[in-house]
Protein backbone atom coordinates (compact mmCIF):
# COMPACT_ATOMS: atom_id res chain seq x y z
CA UNK A 1 -2.82 -4.80 -14.48
CA UNK A 2 -6.34 -5.87 -15.26
CA UNK A 3 -6.80 -9.34 -16.82
CA UNK A 4 -8.55 -8.87 -20.12
CA UNK A 5 -9.94 -12.34 -19.85
CA UNK A 6 -11.97 -11.22 -16.92
CA UNK A 7 -14.24 -8.21 -17.66
CA UNK A 8 -13.84 -5.39 -15.21
CA UNK A 9 -16.45 -3.00 -13.89
CA UNK A 10 -16.82 0.69 -14.82
CA UNK A 11 -18.60 3.38 -12.90
CA UNK A 12 -19.80 6.44 -14.83
CA UNK A 13 -16.96 8.87 -14.00
CA UNK A 14 -19.05 11.97 -14.51
CA UNK A 15 -21.87 11.10 -12.18
CA UNK A 16 -20.56 8.64 -9.60
CA UNK A 17 -20.78 10.35 -6.17
CA UNK A 18 -17.61 8.77 -4.94
CA UNK A 19 -15.49 9.25 -7.98
CA UNK A 20 -11.96 10.28 -6.89
CA UNK A 21 -11.19 13.89 -7.53
CA UNK A 22 -8.29 13.39 -9.90
CA UNK A 23 -7.75 14.56 -13.49
CA UNK A 24 -8.08 11.32 -15.09
CA UNK A 25 -10.45 8.43 -14.65
CA UNK A 26 -8.44 6.32 -12.32
CA UNK A 27 -7.68 3.13 -14.15
CA UNK A 28 -10.76 3.93 -16.31
CA UNK A 29 -12.36 1.23 -14.19
CA UNK A 30 -13.52 1.95 -10.68
CA UNK A 31 -16.45 1.13 -8.45
CA UNK A 32 -17.74 2.43 -5.21
CA UNK A 33 -17.48 0.03 -2.29
CA UNK A 34 -21.07 0.88 -1.36
CA UNK A 35 -22.35 -0.42 -4.67
CA UNK A 36 -21.14 -4.03 -4.51
CA UNK A 37 -24.61 -5.43 -5.32
CA UNK A 38 -25.02 -3.37 -8.42
CA UNK A 39 -23.80 -3.65 -11.98
CA UNK A 40 -22.93 -0.97 -14.53
CA UNK A 41 -23.03 -0.71 -18.27
CA UNK A 42 -20.22 -1.16 -20.75
CA UNK A 43 -16.95 0.55 -19.78
CA UNK A 44 -14.28 2.31 -21.79
CA UNK A 45 -12.24 -0.75 -22.59
CA UNK A 46 -13.89 -3.79 -20.91
CA UNK A 47 -17.28 -5.42 -21.20
CA UNK A 48 -19.53 -5.03 -18.16
CA UNK A 49 -19.96 -7.71 -15.55
CA UNK A 50 -21.47 -7.99 -12.06
CA UNK A 51 -19.42 -6.31 -9.42
CA UNK A 52 -19.95 -9.30 -7.17
CA UNK A 53 -18.33 -11.64 -9.62
CA UNK A 54 -15.42 -9.48 -10.67
CA UNK A 55 -14.60 -7.91 -7.34
CA UNK A 56 -15.76 -10.02 -4.39
CA UNK A 57 -15.37 -13.54 -5.71
CA UNK A 58 -12.03 -13.77 -4.05
CA UNK A 59 -9.23 -16.21 -4.92
CA UNK A 60 -8.26 -18.78 -2.29
CA UNK A 61 -4.78 -20.33 -2.18
CA UNK A 62 -2.29 -21.47 0.39
CA UNK A 63 -5.14 -21.39 2.92
CA UNK A 64 -5.53 -17.62 2.54
CA UNK A 65 -7.89 -15.21 0.59
CA UNK A 66 -6.55 -12.99 -2.10
CA UNK A 67 -8.13 -10.24 -4.27
CA UNK A 68 -9.71 -11.16 -7.63
CA UNK A 69 -9.86 -7.83 -9.32
CA UNK A 70 -6.64 -7.44 -11.42
CA UNK A 71 -5.61 -10.85 -10.03
CA UNK A 72 -1.96 -11.34 -9.47
CA UNK A 73 -1.07 -7.65 -9.12
CA UNK A 74 -0.79 -7.92 -5.37
CA UNK A 75 0.66 -11.15 -3.97
CA UNK A 76 -0.42 -10.88 -0.37
CA UNK A 77 -3.78 -11.85 1.33
CA UNK A 78 -6.69 -9.59 1.97
CA UNK A 79 -8.52 -11.77 4.61
CA UNK A 80 -9.41 -10.58 8.13
CA UNK A 81 -6.07 -11.75 9.58
CA UNK A 82 -4.25 -9.63 7.08
CA UNK A 83 -6.59 -6.69 7.63
CA UNK A 84 -5.80 -6.81 11.40
CA UNK A 85 -2.13 -6.80 10.58
CA UNK A 86 -2.50 -3.84 8.25
CA UNK A 87 -4.33 -1.87 10.87
CA UNK A 88 -1.47 -2.59 13.29
CA UNK A 89 1.08 -1.40 10.72
CA UNK A 90 -0.89 1.80 10.30
CA UNK A 91 -0.25 2.47 14.00
CA UNK A 92 3.42 1.54 13.58
CA UNK A 93 3.91 4.11 10.83
CA UNK A 94 1.89 6.74 12.75
CA UNK A 95 4.11 6.28 15.75
CA UNK A 96 7.23 6.20 13.66
CA UNK A 97 6.29 9.75 12.31
CA UNK A 98 5.76 10.86 15.92
CA UNK A 99 1.98 10.77 15.68
CA UNK A 100 1.65 12.43 12.29
CA UNK A 101 -0.24 11.15 9.25
CA UNK A 102 1.79 13.11 6.72
CA UNK A 103 4.82 15.36 6.43
CA UNK A 104 3.99 17.34 3.33
CA UNK A 105 3.55 21.01 4.15
CA UNK A 106 -0.20 21.07 3.61
CA UNK A 107 -3.34 22.00 5.50
CA UNK A 108 -5.94 19.43 4.55
CA UNK A 109 -8.95 21.68 5.04
CA UNK A 110 -10.58 22.35 1.66
CA UNK A 111 -8.25 19.95 -0.12
CA UNK A 112 -9.07 16.96 -2.33
CA UNK A 113 -6.92 14.00 -1.26
CA UNK A 114 -6.25 10.60 -2.86
CA UNK A 115 -4.81 7.68 -0.90
CA UNK A 116 -3.43 5.13 -3.38
CA UNK A 117 -3.49 1.51 -2.17
CA UNK A 118 -5.58 2.43 0.85
CA UNK A 119 -5.91 -1.16 2.12
CA UNK A 120 -8.25 -1.19 5.08
CA UNK A 121 -8.72 2.51 4.63
CA UNK A 122 -7.47 3.42 8.12
CA UNK A 123 -5.15 6.22 6.95
CA UNK A 124 -7.96 7.84 5.01
CA UNK A 125 -10.36 7.49 7.91
CA UNK A 126 -7.82 8.77 10.42
CA UNK A 127 -7.21 11.83 8.15
CA UNK A 128 -10.92 12.46 7.86
CA UNK A 129 -11.42 12.29 11.55
CA UNK A 130 -8.56 14.69 12.22
CA UNK A 131 -9.43 17.03 9.33
CA UNK A 132 -13.27 17.16 8.86
CA UNK A 133 -12.72 20.26 6.79
CA UNK A 134 -11.00 18.30 4.02
CA UNK A 135 -13.12 18.55 0.91
CA UNK A 136 -12.80 14.89 -0.12
CA UNK A 137 -10.61 12.00 0.82
CA UNK A 138 -10.67 9.15 -1.67
CA UNK A 139 -9.00 5.77 -0.90
CA UNK A 140 -8.58 3.28 -3.70
CA UNK A 141 -7.53 -0.39 -3.57
CA UNK A 142 -7.81 -3.62 -5.55
CA UNK A 143 -9.90 -5.09 -2.59
CA UNK A 144 -13.19 -3.84 -1.27
CA UNK A 145 -12.18 -4.43 2.38
CA UNK A 146 -12.77 -0.96 3.78
CA UNK A 147 -15.48 -0.43 6.46
CA UNK A 148 -18.88 1.00 5.71
CA UNK A 149 -18.49 3.43 8.55
CA UNK A 150 -16.25 6.38 7.82
CA UNK A 151 -16.19 10.15 8.08
CA UNK A 152 -18.55 11.95 5.65
CA UNK A 153 -15.64 13.29 3.61
CA UNK A 154 -14.08 9.89 3.07
CA UNK A 155 -14.97 7.57 0.17
CA UNK A 156 -13.52 4.32 -1.14
CA UNK A 157 -13.37 2.84 -4.63
CA UNK A 158 -12.05 -0.45 -6.09
CA UNK A 159 -9.51 0.59 -8.68
CA UNK A 160 -6.24 -0.37 -10.39
CA UNK A 161 -4.01 2.67 -10.44
CA UNK A 162 -1.61 1.02 -12.91
CA UNK A 163 -4.16 1.54 -15.67
CA UNK A 164 -4.75 4.88 -17.35
CA UNK A 165 -6.32 7.64 -15.30
CA UNK A 166 -9.10 9.74 -16.83
CA UNK A 167 -11.01 11.53 -13.99
CA UNK A 168 -12.24 15.11 -14.62
CA UNK A 169 -10.85 16.83 -11.56
CA UNK A 170 -7.39 17.30 -10.04
CA UNK A 171 -6.14 16.57 -6.57
CA UNK A 172 -4.34 18.77 -4.12
CA UNK A 173 -2.41 15.94 -2.36
CA UNK A 174 -1.77 12.30 -3.25
CA UNK A 175 -0.47 9.83 -0.66
CA UNK A 176 1.16 6.52 -1.37
CA UNK A 177 2.11 4.11 1.45
CA UNK A 178 3.15 0.48 1.96
CA UNK A 179 3.04 -0.41 -1.76
CA UNK A 180 6.31 -2.41 -2.01
CA UNK A 181 5.98 -5.50 -4.22
CA UNK A 182 2.74 -4.24 -5.75
CA UNK A 183 3.69 -1.88 -8.60
CA UNK A 184 5.17 -2.83 -11.95
CA UNK A 185 6.17 0.56 -13.35
CA UNK A 186 6.77 3.15 -10.61
CA UNK A 187 8.01 5.97 -12.99
CA UNK A 188 4.80 5.66 -14.96
CA UNK A 189 2.66 5.75 -11.89
CA UNK A 190 4.54 8.80 -10.54
CA UNK A 191 4.09 10.59 -13.87
CA UNK A 192 0.32 9.96 -13.71
CA UNK A 193 0.31 11.28 -10.13
CA UNK A 194 2.07 14.48 -11.45
CA UNK A 195 -0.48 14.81 -14.19
CA UNK A 196 -3.41 14.45 -11.79
CA UNK A 197 -2.21 17.00 -9.23
CA UNK A 198 -3.16 20.64 -9.27
CA UNK A 199 -0.22 23.07 -9.80
CA UNK A 200 1.35 23.46 -6.43
CA UNK A 201 -0.03 20.07 -5.25
CA UNK A 202 1.94 17.59 -3.26
CA UNK A 203 2.88 13.93 -3.51
CA UNK A 204 4.03 11.96 -0.50
CA UNK A 205 5.55 8.47 -0.37
CA UNK A 206 5.74 6.48 2.87
CA UNK A 207 7.61 3.21 2.57
CA UNK A 208 10.29 1.24 4.43
CA UNK A 209 13.68 0.59 2.89
CA UNK A 210 13.40 -3.15 3.00
CA UNK A 211 17.10 -3.80 3.46
CA UNK A 212 17.07 -4.91 7.09
CA UNK A 213 20.16 -4.14 9.24
CA UNK A 214 21.43 -3.83 12.80
CA UNK A 215 23.80 -1.19 14.30
CA UNK A 216 25.49 -3.56 16.65
CA UNK A 217 26.23 -6.61 14.52
CA UNK A 218 23.52 -8.82 15.96
CA UNK A 219 21.81 -9.38 12.64
CA UNK A 220 23.83 -11.67 10.37
CA UNK A 221 23.15 -12.74 6.75
CA UNK A 222 21.99 -16.18 7.90
CA UNK A 223 19.35 -14.81 10.15
CA UNK A 224 15.87 -16.08 9.37
CA UNK A 225 14.37 -12.63 8.94
CA UNK A 226 17.15 -11.62 6.55
CA UNK A 227 16.64 -14.80 4.52
CA UNK A 228 12.95 -13.98 4.38
CA UNK A 229 13.51 -10.46 3.13
CA UNK A 230 16.20 -11.68 0.65
CA UNK A 231 13.58 -14.18 -0.70
CA UNK A 232 10.93 -11.51 -0.93
CA UNK A 233 13.30 -9.28 -2.83
CA UNK A 234 14.26 -12.03 -5.29
CA UNK A 235 10.61 -13.12 -5.87
CA UNK A 236 9.36 -9.57 -6.43
CA UNK A 237 12.22 -8.89 -8.88
CA UNK A 238 11.16 -12.00 -10.80
CA UNK A 239 7.59 -10.76 -11.19
CA UNK A 240 8.69 -7.22 -11.93
CA UNK A 241 7.29 -5.59 -8.88
CA UNK A 242 10.23 -4.40 -6.84
CA UNK A 243 10.14 -5.05 -3.03
CA UNK A 244 12.42 -2.10 -2.38
CA UNK A 245 11.27 0.98 -4.27
CA UNK A 246 11.81 3.39 -1.37
CA UNK A 247 15.42 4.39 -2.11
CA UNK A 248 14.51 5.38 -5.60
CA UNK A 249 11.45 7.58 -4.84
CA UNK A 250 13.36 10.82 -4.59
CA UNK A 251 15.02 10.33 -7.97
CA UNK A 252 11.81 9.18 -9.60
CA UNK A 253 9.92 12.17 -8.26
CA UNK A 254 12.50 14.61 -9.55
CA UNK A 255 12.58 12.88 -12.98
CA UNK A 256 8.76 13.24 -13.19
CA UNK A 257 9.09 17.05 -12.66
CA UNK A 258 8.44 17.45 -8.92
CA UNK A 259 10.31 20.21 -7.14
CA UNK A 260 11.05 20.84 -3.47
CA UNK A 261 11.66 17.04 -3.24
CA UNK A 262 12.85 15.98 0.30
CA UNK A 263 13.56 12.60 1.85
CA UNK A 264 13.28 11.95 5.55
CA UNK A 265 14.32 8.79 7.38
CA UNK A 266 12.91 7.29 10.60
CA UNK A 267 13.81 4.10 12.42
CA UNK A 268 11.58 1.09 12.71
CA UNK A 269 13.12 -1.46 15.09
CA UNK A 270 11.93 -5.06 15.49
CA UNK A 271 11.75 -6.18 19.09
CA UNK A 272 11.45 -4.66 22.53
CA UNK A 273 15.17 -3.82 22.83
CA UNK A 274 15.05 -0.02 22.25
CA UNK A 275 15.33 2.13 25.38
CA UNK A 276 13.13 4.86 23.94
CA UNK A 277 9.52 4.16 24.87
CA UNK A 278 8.08 5.14 21.48
CA UNK A 279 10.64 2.91 19.60
CA UNK A 280 10.05 0.12 22.10
CA UNK A 281 6.32 0.26 21.29
CA UNK A 282 7.03 0.19 17.64
CA UNK A 283 9.52 -2.68 18.13
CA UNK A 284 7.03 -4.81 20.03
CA UNK A 285 4.43 -4.36 17.31
CA UNK A 286 6.91 -5.16 14.65
CA UNK A 287 7.70 -8.38 16.41
CA UNK A 288 4.02 -9.25 16.39
CA UNK A 289 3.99 -8.27 12.70
CA UNK A 290 6.73 -10.85 11.96
CA UNK A 291 5.16 -13.58 14.08
CA UNK A 292 1.61 -13.05 12.73
CA UNK A 293 2.46 -11.88 9.28
CA UNK A 294 5.27 -14.11 8.02
CA UNK A 295 2.83 -16.64 6.49
CA UNK A 296 1.24 -13.89 4.46
CA UNK A 297 4.59 -12.63 3.28
CA UNK A 298 5.94 -15.91 2.10
CA UNK A 299 3.08 -18.14 0.92
CA UNK A 300 2.44 -16.99 -2.66
CA UNK A 301 5.81 -15.55 -3.48
CA UNK A 302 8.02 -18.35 -2.14
CA UNK A 303 5.88 -21.24 -3.36
CA UNK A 304 4.52 -19.83 -6.60
CA UNK A 305 7.41 -17.69 -7.77
CA UNK A 306 10.51 -19.17 -6.17
CA UNK A 307 9.32 -22.74 -6.24
CA UNK A 308 9.94 -23.52 -2.61
CA UNK A 309 8.13 -26.60 -1.13
CA UNK A 310 5.57 -26.06 1.54
CA UNK A 311 7.93 -27.75 4.04
CA UNK A 312 10.76 -25.41 3.10
CA UNK A 313 8.55 -22.38 3.59
CA UNK A 314 7.22 -23.76 6.94
CA UNK A 315 10.81 -24.17 8.22
CA UNK A 316 11.66 -20.62 7.20
CA UNK A 317 8.47 -19.23 8.78
CA UNK A 318 9.20 -21.03 12.06
CA UNK A 319 12.65 -19.56 12.10
CA UNK A 320 11.27 -16.04 11.60
CA UNK A 321 8.68 -16.50 14.33
CA UNK A 322 11.24 -17.91 16.74
CA UNK A 323 13.80 -15.16 16.12
CA UNK A 324 11.17 -12.47 16.39
CA UNK A 325 10.02 -13.84 19.73
CA UNK A 326 13.57 -14.13 21.05
CA UNK A 327 14.52 -10.60 20.04
CA UNK A 328 18.26 -11.28 20.21
CA UNK A 329 18.87 -9.63 16.85
CA UNK A 330 18.47 -5.85 16.94
CA UNK A 331 16.97 -5.52 13.52
CA UNK A 332 15.97 -2.22 12.00
CA UNK A 333 14.15 -0.94 8.90
CA UNK A 334 14.63 2.63 7.74
CA UNK A 335 11.22 4.19 7.10
CA UNK A 336 11.44 6.69 4.25
CA UNK A 337 9.08 9.63 3.62
CA UNK A 338 9.58 11.45 0.37
CA UNK A 339 7.54 14.64 -0.40
CA UNK A 340 7.53 16.69 -3.58
CA UNK A 341 5.53 19.57 -5.11
CA UNK A 342 4.17 20.01 -8.63
CA UNK A 343 5.49 23.41 -9.81
CA UNK A 344 3.13 26.31 -9.90
């Protein structure tokens, strides 16, 4: 949620060329990534301020860079190291879905698409490259870390989707991926997605079930990666932003009024142990993800929320890196894709 002590920026929703095509002004506060040297007038609920100060004056802690807009809503870094990791995870998910960006039964040509929590924007850019006939693909995020280069039908805005939406146009398809630990009220967000879809439009969630397991008993409860995930779950519950929303997506979507709701599961292994070449590729990248990303996972949540000392976190991180490199535990995440349609 936006911090009322720090004024946010508001772009004129009726005239902004990169306003997302959703019925409702997304968060009532958004700004085009291209306009980071500009400032706008007074917004709907917040005083105006320079975009540079409210969006790009990042917060630094634990040796990493974090977003400043709606500070505290997302407890993971946004620096270049993290951006490289996020781009790698995009490839992991793409390969997990057998080289597909989405599973909803849509044809993107002519559609208006919203990518919530776009991160580095790679999913939106990939979709724009594959489907140049899509009318508009809008990616929003709390951080303006998306590249300037992108297909002509792709646009990015800095936005907080947990605020009220008030854009004048509806979307045909809304995509949400890799948002675990970042949303306070999932049912409310899903209701807003429902309200901002055209009749017949589709929602799609892509998220891992963050309960790690093995099928051969090689992953025990004392394993470092299990301890890390347990700590992340505990910390995110304490701040009210669940680290494991995926198993509830189907029920939440049905409660919001979506029909034709389907859940599909895919395996994401960690390590080079799978025999299948595609799963082995995914597993190798996920090992790199653990080795390179564990510091980003644990820094803020373990120190600031759970109260661990830096030494305790360092010992855990070293254990995670060591176990990921050894690959002796055949760890797996289930990757869930839930799709649903707004009734006609």
